[in-house]
N, C-alpha and C. Protein backbone atom coordinates (compact mmCIF):
# COMPACT_ATOMS: atom_id res chain seq x y z
N MET A 1 131.34 130.86 87.00
CA MET A 1 129.95 130.57 86.76
C MET A 1 129.19 131.89 86.81
N ALA A 2 128.58 132.24 85.74
CA ALA A 2 127.84 133.50 85.66
C ALA A 2 126.36 133.25 85.93
N TYR A 3 125.73 134.19 86.57
CA TYR A 3 124.30 134.11 86.84
C TYR A 3 123.52 134.52 85.60
N ILE A 4 122.59 133.68 85.22
CA ILE A 4 121.70 133.99 84.10
C ILE A 4 120.29 134.03 84.67
N ALA A 5 119.69 135.19 84.67
CA ALA A 5 118.36 135.36 85.28
C ALA A 5 117.32 134.55 84.52
N PRO A 6 116.41 133.89 85.24
CA PRO A 6 115.34 133.16 84.57
C PRO A 6 114.38 134.12 83.88
N THR A 7 113.68 133.62 82.88
CA THR A 7 112.69 134.41 82.16
C THR A 7 111.35 133.69 82.24
N ARG A 8 110.31 134.38 81.84
CA ARG A 8 108.98 133.77 81.82
C ARG A 8 108.54 133.58 80.38
N LYS A 9 107.91 132.45 80.14
CA LYS A 9 107.32 132.16 78.84
C LYS A 9 105.90 131.68 79.13
N GLY A 10 104.96 132.62 79.12
CA GLY A 10 103.59 132.29 79.53
C GLY A 10 103.57 132.01 81.02
N ASP A 11 103.07 130.82 81.40
CA ASP A 11 103.01 130.41 82.80
C ASP A 11 104.31 129.76 83.27
N GLN A 12 105.20 129.48 82.36
CA GLN A 12 106.42 128.73 82.67
C GLN A 12 107.59 129.65 82.99
N VAL A 13 108.43 129.23 83.93
CA VAL A 13 109.69 129.91 84.21
C VAL A 13 110.76 129.16 83.43
N VAL A 14 111.52 129.87 82.63
CA VAL A 14 112.55 129.26 81.79
C VAL A 14 113.91 129.63 82.36
N VAL A 15 114.74 128.61 82.61
CA VAL A 15 116.08 128.82 83.15
C VAL A 15 117.09 128.38 82.10
N ASN A 16 117.98 129.27 81.74
CA ASN A 16 119.04 128.95 80.79
C ASN A 16 120.32 128.66 81.55
N VAL A 17 121.05 127.67 81.10
CA VAL A 17 122.30 127.28 81.75
C VAL A 17 123.42 127.36 80.73
N ASP A 18 124.53 127.96 81.16
CA ASP A 18 125.70 128.04 80.30
C ASP A 18 126.21 126.63 80.00
N GLU A 19 126.54 126.35 78.75
CA GLU A 19 126.98 125.01 78.34
C GLU A 19 128.22 124.55 79.11
N ALA A 20 129.18 125.45 79.33
CA ALA A 20 130.41 125.07 80.05
C ALA A 20 130.07 124.71 81.50
N ASP A 21 129.17 125.45 82.13
CA ASP A 21 128.76 125.13 83.50
C ASP A 21 128.05 123.79 83.55
N TYR A 22 127.21 123.53 82.56
CA TYR A 22 126.48 122.27 82.49
C TYR A 22 127.46 121.10 82.36
N ALA A 23 128.44 121.22 81.47
CA ALA A 23 129.43 120.16 81.26
C ALA A 23 130.23 119.92 82.53
N SER A 24 130.61 120.98 83.20
CA SER A 24 131.38 120.86 84.44
C SER A 24 130.55 120.15 85.52
N ALA A 25 129.30 120.53 85.66
CA ALA A 25 128.42 119.91 86.65
C ALA A 25 128.18 118.45 86.33
N LEU A 26 128.06 118.14 85.06
CA LEU A 26 127.84 116.75 84.64
C LEU A 26 128.99 115.86 85.09
N ILE A 27 130.20 116.34 84.93
CA ILE A 27 131.38 115.58 85.37
C ILE A 27 131.38 115.47 86.89
N LYS A 28 131.14 116.59 87.57
CA LYS A 28 131.17 116.60 89.03
C LYS A 28 130.17 115.63 89.65
N TRP A 29 128.97 115.56 89.11
CA TRP A 29 127.91 114.75 89.70
C TRP A 29 127.75 113.37 89.04
N SER A 30 128.65 112.99 88.16
CA SER A 30 128.50 111.72 87.45
C SER A 30 128.60 110.51 88.38
N LYS A 31 129.24 110.66 89.53
CA LYS A 31 129.38 109.55 90.48
C LYS A 31 128.38 109.62 91.62
N ALA A 32 127.38 110.50 91.52
CA ALA A 32 126.40 110.65 92.59
C ALA A 32 125.52 109.42 92.70
N LEU A 33 125.09 109.12 93.91
CA LEU A 33 124.15 108.03 94.13
C LEU A 33 122.77 108.52 93.72
N VAL A 34 122.16 107.85 92.77
CA VAL A 34 120.90 108.36 92.26
C VAL A 34 119.72 107.42 92.43
N GLY A 35 119.93 106.23 92.85
CA GLY A 35 118.80 105.31 92.95
C GLY A 35 119.00 104.28 94.04
N GLU A 36 117.99 103.48 94.24
CA GLU A 36 118.02 102.44 95.26
C GLU A 36 119.15 101.46 95.02
N GLU A 37 119.40 101.11 93.77
CA GLU A 37 120.47 100.16 93.44
C GLU A 37 121.84 100.73 93.84
N ASP A 38 122.08 102.01 93.53
CA ASP A 38 123.33 102.65 93.92
C ASP A 38 123.47 102.72 95.43
N LEU A 39 122.37 103.08 96.11
CA LEU A 39 122.39 103.18 97.56
C LEU A 39 122.74 101.84 98.19
N LEU A 40 122.09 100.77 97.76
CA LEU A 40 122.35 99.45 98.32
C LEU A 40 123.78 99.01 98.06
N ALA A 41 124.29 99.27 96.85
CA ALA A 41 125.67 98.92 96.54
C ALA A 41 126.63 99.64 97.47
N PHE A 42 126.35 100.89 97.78
CA PHE A 42 127.21 101.66 98.66
C PHE A 42 127.11 101.17 100.10
N LEU A 43 125.87 100.96 100.60
CA LEU A 43 125.68 100.51 101.98
C LEU A 43 126.26 99.12 102.21
N GLU A 44 126.11 98.23 101.23
CA GLU A 44 126.56 96.85 101.39
C GLU A 44 128.01 96.66 100.97
N GLY A 45 128.59 97.66 100.34
CA GLY A 45 130.00 97.60 99.94
C GLY A 45 130.89 97.80 101.16
N GLY A 46 132.14 98.01 100.90
CA GLY A 46 133.03 98.30 102.02
C GLY A 46 133.91 97.11 102.32
N PRO A 47 134.51 97.02 103.45
CA PRO A 47 134.32 97.88 104.61
C PRO A 47 134.85 99.29 104.37
N TRP A 48 134.22 100.27 105.01
CA TRP A 48 134.59 101.67 104.85
C TRP A 48 135.39 102.11 106.07
N THR A 49 136.40 102.91 105.83
CA THR A 49 137.19 103.47 106.94
C THR A 49 137.38 104.96 106.71
N MET A 50 137.58 105.66 107.81
CA MET A 50 137.90 107.08 107.75
C MET A 50 138.99 107.30 108.79
N ALA A 51 140.14 107.81 108.33
CA ALA A 51 141.30 108.00 109.21
C ALA A 51 141.67 106.67 109.87
N ASN A 52 141.64 105.60 109.08
CA ASN A 52 141.99 104.25 109.55
C ASN A 52 141.11 103.74 110.68
N ARG A 53 139.89 104.25 110.76
CA ARG A 53 138.93 103.76 111.76
C ARG A 53 137.70 103.27 111.03
N PRO A 54 137.06 102.22 111.54
CA PRO A 54 135.86 101.71 110.88
C PRO A 54 134.78 102.79 110.82
N PHE A 55 134.15 102.89 109.67
CA PHE A 55 133.07 103.85 109.46
C PHE A 55 131.84 103.03 109.11
N VAL A 56 130.89 102.97 110.03
CA VAL A 56 129.71 102.12 109.88
C VAL A 56 128.57 102.96 109.33
N LEU A 57 127.98 102.48 108.23
CA LEU A 57 126.89 103.19 107.57
C LEU A 57 125.57 102.47 107.82
N HIS A 58 124.54 103.25 108.06
CA HIS A 58 123.19 102.71 108.22
C HIS A 58 122.25 103.50 107.33
N ARG A 59 121.19 102.86 106.89
CA ARG A 59 120.17 103.55 106.12
C ARG A 59 119.44 104.53 107.05
N TRP A 60 119.26 105.76 106.59
CA TRP A 60 118.56 106.77 107.37
C TRP A 60 117.06 106.58 107.24
N SER A 61 116.36 106.87 108.30
CA SER A 61 114.90 106.92 108.26
C SER A 61 114.46 108.05 109.19
N PRO A 62 113.23 108.51 109.06
CA PRO A 62 112.77 109.61 109.93
C PRO A 62 112.86 109.28 111.42
N SER A 63 112.83 108.00 111.76
CA SER A 63 112.91 107.63 113.18
C SER A 63 114.35 107.36 113.62
N SER A 64 115.32 107.58 112.74
CA SER A 64 116.73 107.36 113.10
C SER A 64 117.14 108.29 114.22
N ARG A 65 118.03 107.78 115.07
CA ARG A 65 118.56 108.58 116.18
C ARG A 65 120.06 108.67 116.01
N MET A 66 120.63 109.76 116.46
CA MET A 66 122.06 109.98 116.32
C MET A 66 122.84 109.52 117.55
N ASP A 67 122.26 108.63 118.33
CA ASP A 67 122.96 108.11 119.50
C ASP A 67 124.17 107.30 119.06
N GLN A 68 125.20 107.35 119.86
CA GLN A 68 126.39 106.57 119.54
C GLN A 68 126.11 105.12 119.95
N GLU A 69 126.29 104.22 118.98
CA GLU A 69 126.05 102.81 119.25
C GLU A 69 127.34 102.15 119.71
N GLN A 70 127.20 101.18 120.59
CA GLN A 70 128.34 100.39 121.00
C GLN A 70 128.38 99.15 120.11
N LEU A 71 129.39 99.06 119.27
CA LEU A 71 129.47 97.92 118.37
C LEU A 71 130.13 96.74 119.07
N THR A 72 129.57 95.56 118.88
CA THR A 72 130.17 94.36 119.46
C THR A 72 130.90 93.55 118.40
N SER A 73 130.53 93.78 117.13
CA SER A 73 131.23 93.11 116.03
C SER A 73 131.07 93.92 114.77
N ILE A 74 132.00 93.75 113.86
CA ILE A 74 131.95 94.43 112.56
C ILE A 74 132.09 93.37 111.49
N PRO A 75 131.12 93.29 110.55
CA PRO A 75 131.24 92.29 109.49
C PRO A 75 132.44 92.60 108.59
N ILE A 76 133.13 91.55 108.22
CA ILE A 76 134.30 91.70 107.33
C ILE A 76 134.03 91.00 106.02
């Protein structure tokens, strides 16, 4: 990936992107979560595991805390 310095066109900053880099990034990010519908599908999907252990996902909010919760049940 080569650096292409941005240029100015009047008040605007113009950024040029190499076509090969753009195509590569498009493939890489094609599965990214981009909207509320994708987020809900991911949060409500599952069950999710990591290293054969349950991985519980919660929606983040500014008031979220990183305390470890004691789970009493896991929906299946």
